[in-house]
N, C-alpha and C. Protein backbone atom coordinates (compact mmCIF):
# COMPACT_ATOMS: atom_id res chain seq x y z
N ALA A 1 61.80 24.35 -23.67
CA ALA A 1 61.39 22.75 -23.72
C ALA A 1 59.90 23.08 -23.28
N ALA A 2 59.61 24.20 -23.07
CA ALA A 2 57.46 24.51 -22.81
C ALA A 2 57.50 25.20 -24.31
N ALA A 3 58.20 25.55 -25.31
CA ALA A 3 58.07 25.96 -26.60
C ALA A 3 59.10 25.70 -27.14
N PRO A 4 58.92 24.49 -27.43
CA PRO A 4 60.29 23.73 -28.45
C PRO A 4 60.18 24.94 -30.03
N GLU A 5 59.17 25.34 -30.59
CA GLU A 5 59.40 26.44 -31.35
C GLU A 5 59.85 27.58 -31.65
N ALA A 6 60.21 28.09 -30.38
CA ALA A 6 60.25 29.61 -29.96
C ALA A 6 61.86 29.04 -30.96
N GLU A 7 62.06 30.66 -31.01
CA GLU A 7 63.28 30.98 -31.42
C GLU A 7 64.20 31.73 -30.26
N GLU A 8 65.30 31.57 -30.09
CA GLU A 8 66.43 32.43 -29.02
C GLU A 8 66.82 33.75 -30.17
N LYS A 9 66.57 34.78 -29.28
CA LYS A 9 67.29 35.57 -29.83
C LYS A 9 67.39 37.08 -28.74
N ILE A 10 68.13 38.22 -28.86
CA ILE A 10 68.26 39.16 -28.22
C ILE A 10 67.28 40.36 -28.39
N SER A 11 66.53 40.54 -27.46
CA SER A 11 65.25 41.82 -27.83
C SER A 11 65.62 42.64 -26.35
N TYR A 12 65.21 44.01 -26.71
CA TYR A 12 65.67 44.91 -25.42
C TYR A 12 67.09 44.57 -24.55
N GLN A 13 67.88 44.25 -25.47
CA GLN A 13 69.34 44.10 -24.93
C GLN A 13 68.83 42.56 -24.14
N MET A 14 68.12 41.82 -23.83
CA MET A 14 68.28 40.48 -22.92
C MET A 14 67.74 39.52 -23.86
N PRO A 15 68.28 38.12 -23.08
CA PRO A 15 68.08 37.13 -23.59
C PRO A 15 66.39 36.55 -24.02
N THR A 16 65.92 36.42 -25.51
CA THR A 16 64.46 36.15 -25.68
C THR A 16 64.21 34.95 -25.97
N PHE A 17 62.85 34.72 -25.68
CA PHE A 17 62.02 33.43 -26.78
C PHE A 17 61.03 34.23 -27.42
N PHE A 18 61.05 33.96 -28.55
CA PHE A 18 60.48 34.53 -29.89
C PHE A 18 59.18 33.42 -30.35
N LEU A 19 58.09 33.47 -30.30
CA LEU A 19 57.43 32.79 -30.79
C LEU A 19 56.23 33.43 -32.03
N LYS A 20 56.15 33.83 -33.06
CA LYS A 20 54.82 35.21 -33.09
C LYS A 20 54.90 36.04 -32.41
N GLY A 21 56.09 36.67 -31.76
CA GLY A 21 56.38 37.81 -30.76
C GLY A 21 56.92 37.14 -29.93
N ASN A 22 57.16 38.19 -29.02
CA ASN A 22 58.12 38.16 -27.65
C ASN A 22 57.34 37.09 -26.82
N LEU A 23 58.03 36.07 -26.66
CA LEU A 23 57.36 34.99 -25.49
C LEU A 23 57.40 36.00 -23.84
N VAL A 24 58.81 35.51 -23.83
CA VAL A 24 59.37 35.67 -22.33
C VAL A 24 60.63 35.91 -22.78
N HIS A 25 61.61 37.25 -21.71
CA HIS A 25 62.64 38.12 -21.60
C HIS A 25 63.48 37.30 -20.20
N PHE A 26 64.42 37.11 -20.35
CA PHE A 26 64.86 36.97 -18.78
C PHE A 26 66.52 37.89 -19.10
N ALA A 27 66.94 38.19 -17.01
CA ALA A 27 68.50 38.29 -17.43
C ALA A 27 68.89 38.03 -15.91
N ALA A 28 70.15 38.40 -15.94
CA ALA A 28 70.92 37.97 -14.52
C ALA A 28 71.04 39.26 -13.60
N TYR A 29 70.83 39.23 -12.87
CA TYR A 29 71.36 40.72 -11.85
C TYR A 29 72.26 39.69 -10.97
N LYS A 30 72.47 40.82 -9.83
CA LYS A 30 73.21 40.33 -8.65
C LYS A 30 72.61 39.67 -7.91
N LYS A 31 71.34 40.27 -7.57
CA LYS A 31 70.79 39.48 -6.26
C LYS A 31 69.16 38.80 -6.54
N HIS A 32 69.12 38.92 -8.12
CA HIS A 32 67.88 38.16 -8.86
C HIS A 32 67.89 38.02 -10.40
N ILE A 33 66.99 36.73 -10.58
CA ILE A 33 66.86 36.81 -12.11
C ILE A 33 65.52 37.52 -12.66
N GLY A 34 65.87 38.19 -13.25
CA GLY A 34 64.66 38.74 -13.71
C GLY A 34 63.69 37.87 -15.19
N PHE A 35 62.34 38.21 -14.44
CA PHE A 35 61.54 37.43 -15.81
C PHE A 35 60.40 38.35 -15.92
N TYR A 36 60.59 38.23 -17.74
CA TYR A 36 59.60 39.17 -18.03
C TYR A 36 58.50 38.45 -18.93
N PRO A 37 57.84 37.70 -18.75
CA PRO A 37 56.53 37.32 -19.63
C PRO A 37 55.30 38.48 -20.16
N ALA A 38 55.18 39.39 -20.34
CA ALA A 38 54.58 40.59 -20.30
C ALA A 38 53.25 40.72 -19.33
N PRO A 39 52.65 41.59 -18.91
CA PRO A 39 52.22 42.13 -18.07
C PRO A 39 50.66 40.74 -18.17
N SER A 40 50.50 39.79 -19.39
CA SER A 40 49.50 39.18 -19.36
C SER A 40 49.96 37.93 -18.47
N GLY A 41 51.12 37.77 -18.58
CA GLY A 41 51.89 36.32 -17.81
C GLY A 41 51.94 36.77 -16.55
N ILE A 42 51.98 37.64 -15.77
CA ILE A 42 52.11 38.35 -14.59
C ILE A 42 50.75 38.17 -14.08
N LEU A 43 50.00 38.79 -15.13
CA LEU A 43 48.24 38.75 -14.18
C LEU A 43 47.56 37.41 -14.11
N ALA A 44 47.94 36.72 -14.92
CA ALA A 44 47.45 35.13 -15.12
C ALA A 44 47.95 34.61 -14.50
N PHE A 45 49.10 34.42 -13.59
CA PHE A 45 49.87 34.17 -12.52
C PHE A 45 49.41 34.48 -11.22
N GLN A 46 49.37 35.97 -11.06
CA GLN A 46 49.43 36.48 -10.29
C GLN A 46 49.88 35.91 -8.67
N LYS A 47 48.36 34.89 -8.20
CA LYS A 47 48.38 34.09 -7.09
C LYS A 47 49.69 33.98 -6.65
N GLU A 48 50.00 32.89 -7.60
CA GLU A 48 51.50 32.08 -7.48
C GLU A 48 52.77 33.36 -7.56
N LEU A 49 52.53 34.31 -8.13
CA LEU A 49 53.82 35.12 -7.99
C LEU A 49 53.81 36.30 -7.08
N SER A 50 52.91 35.97 -6.59
CA SER A 50 52.58 36.95 -5.19
C SER A 50 53.51 37.20 -4.27
N ILE A 51 54.58 35.87 -4.33
CA ILE A 51 55.46 35.71 -3.37
C ILE A 51 56.84 36.37 -3.75
N TYR A 52 56.68 36.89 -4.85
CA TYR A 52 58.26 37.53 -5.53
C TYR A 52 57.73 39.36 -5.80
N GLU A 53 59.01 39.51 -5.77
CA GLU A 53 58.92 41.01 -6.11
C GLU A 53 58.48 41.08 -7.37
N GLY A 54 58.19 42.00 -7.61
CA GLY A 54 57.65 42.29 -9.41
C GLY A 54 57.25 43.58 -9.83
N ALA A 55 56.64 43.91 -11.03
CA ALA A 55 55.95 44.76 -11.59
C ALA A 55 54.96 44.32 -12.59
N LYS A 56 54.35 45.49 -13.20
CA LYS A 56 53.63 44.96 -14.24
C LYS A 56 53.68 43.65 -15.28
N GLY A 57 54.81 44.08 -15.97
CA GLY A 57 55.22 42.60 -16.62
C GLY A 57 56.97 42.25 -16.29
N SER A 58 57.18 41.98 -14.81
CA SER A 58 58.08 41.60 -14.27
C SER A 58 57.93 40.83 -13.06
N VAL A 59 58.88 39.88 -12.93
CA VAL A 59 59.12 39.43 -11.58
C VAL A 59 60.51 38.71 -11.14
N LYS A 60 60.94 38.85 -9.88
CA LYS A 60 62.60 39.12 -9.43
C LYS A 60 62.05 37.52 -8.86
N PHE A 61 63.15 36.59 -9.26
CA PHE A 61 63.64 35.56 -8.57
C PHE A 61 64.64 35.84 -8.18
N PRO A 62 64.52 35.33 -6.83
CA PRO A 62 65.98 35.64 -5.31
C PRO A 62 66.64 34.50 -6.11
N ILE A 63 68.17 35.05 -6.41
CA ILE A 63 69.10 34.50 -7.02
C ILE A 63 69.69 33.56 -5.53
N ASP A 64 69.44 33.40 -4.42
CA ASP A 64 69.48 32.23 -3.36
C ASP A 64 68.34 31.61 -3.14
N GLN A 65 67.67 31.70 -4.55
CA GLN A 65 66.28 30.25 -3.87
C GLN A 65 66.71 30.08 -4.97
N PRO A 66 65.89 28.61 -5.36
CA PRO A 66 65.48 27.67 -6.58
C PRO A 66 64.50 28.02 -6.87
N LEU A 67 64.99 28.00 -8.79
CA LEU A 67 63.82 28.71 -9.41
C LEU A 67 62.82 28.10 -9.33
N PRO A 68 61.54 28.45 -9.58
CA PRO A 68 60.38 27.48 -9.73
C PRO A 68 60.17 27.28 -11.34
N PHE A 69 61.13 26.12 -11.71
CA PHE A 69 60.77 25.62 -12.98
C PHE A 69 59.11 25.31 -13.85
N ASP A 70 58.78 24.93 -12.60
CA ASP A 70 57.12 24.30 -12.85
C ASP A 70 56.34 25.49 -13.28
N LEU A 71 56.53 26.97 -12.55
CA LEU A 71 55.73 27.89 -12.42
C LEU A 71 56.33 28.87 -14.01
N ILE A 72 57.35 28.61 -13.99
CA ILE A 72 58.27 29.27 -15.52
C ILE A 72 57.61 28.35 -16.43
N ARG A 73 57.70 27.23 -16.46
CA ARG A 73 57.36 26.73 -17.59
C ARG A 73 55.74 26.96 -17.96
N ARG A 74 55.05 26.88 -16.91
CA ARG A 74 53.46 26.87 -16.98
C ARG A 74 52.87 28.49 -17.51
N ILE A 75 53.98 29.39 -17.28
CA ILE A 75 54.10 30.82 -17.63
C ILE A 75 54.30 31.16 -18.88
N VAL A 76 55.49 29.76 -19.57
CA VAL A 76 55.61 30.29 -21.12
C VAL A 76 54.75 29.06 -21.95
N GLN A 77 54.19 28.12 -21.49
CA GLN A 77 53.16 28.06 -22.21
C GLN A 77 52.26 28.62 -22.38
N PHE A 78 51.49 29.46 -21.27
CA PHE A 78 50.47 30.38 -21.19
C PHE A 78 50.66 31.38 -22.26
N ARG A 79 51.50 32.11 -22.71
CA ARG A 79 52.71 33.05 -23.64
C ARG A 79 52.17 32.43 -24.78
N VAL A 80 52.71 31.52 -25.10
CA VAL A 80 52.49 30.80 -26.26
C VAL A 80 51.55 30.45 -26.88
N ALA A 81 50.31 30.08 -26.12
CA ALA A 81 48.90 30.01 -26.44
C ALA A 81 48.20 31.50 -27.08
N GLU A 82 48.88 32.27 -25.79
CA GLU A 82 48.41 33.73 -26.10
C GLU A 82 49.09 34.11 -27.64
N ASN A 83 50.00 34.22 -28.15
CA ASN A 83 50.69 34.67 -29.14
C ASN A 83 50.29 33.64 -29.99
N LEU A 84 50.12 32.55 -30.15
CA LEU A 84 49.37 31.84 -31.27
C LEU A 84 48.01 32.36 -31.38
N ALA A 85 47.15 32.38 -30.69
CA ALA A 85 45.70 32.97 -30.67
C ALA A 85 45.91 34.33 -30.99
N GLN A 86 46.78 35.38 -31.07
CA GLN A 86 46.81 36.63 -31.64
C GLN A 86 47.60 36.77 -33.04
N ALA A 87 48.41 35.37 -33.16
CA ALA A 87 48.45 35.57 -34.64
C ALA A 87 47.38 35.15 -35.17
N LYS A 88 46.61 34.09 -34.72
CA LYS A 88 45.60 33.94 -35.74
C LYS A 88 44.48 35.02 -35.39
N VAL A 89 44.06 35.80 -34.92
CA VAL A 89 43.27 36.55 -34.90
C VAL A 89 43.95 37.78 -36.10
N LYS A 90 44.99 38.21 -35.90
CA LYS A 90 45.71 38.50 -37.12
C LYS A 90 45.79 38.58 -38.55
N SER A 91 45.85 37.24 -38.41
CA SER A 91 45.66 36.61 -39.64
C SER A 91 44.71 36.78 -40.79
N SER A 92 43.77 36.28 -39.66
CA SER A 92 42.23 35.92 -40.19
C SER A 92 41.84 37.70 -40.83
N ARG A 93 42.15 38.63 -40.12
CA ARG A 93 41.98 40.14 -40.42
C ARG A 93 42.38 40.28 -41.35
N LYS A 94 43.90 39.82 -42.51
CA LYS A 94 44.17 40.15 -43.22
C LYS A 94 43.49 39.49 -44.53
N LYS A 95 42.71 38.85 -44.44
CA LYS A 95 42.37 37.93 -45.38
C LYS A 95 40.60 38.87 -46.15
């Protein structure tokens, strides 16, 4: 719902939402849900994501805790805006 124009596909062997490039990937594991919004998505929400384990471009949401749907929605919206802005820049360079 946060990215209604995004397409669903498989990328890096994971479910992915795609809009002018990959938005986010996600995957289920035994003890967590992996969420991969690219390094920029992690950096932009670093403070809110600091309570979760993660790395440069990923976060682990523990399987035994509720998913932070509002935070995920805001990260996806951030990535949509970022991808659309990057696509606009690329498009203007081609002209």
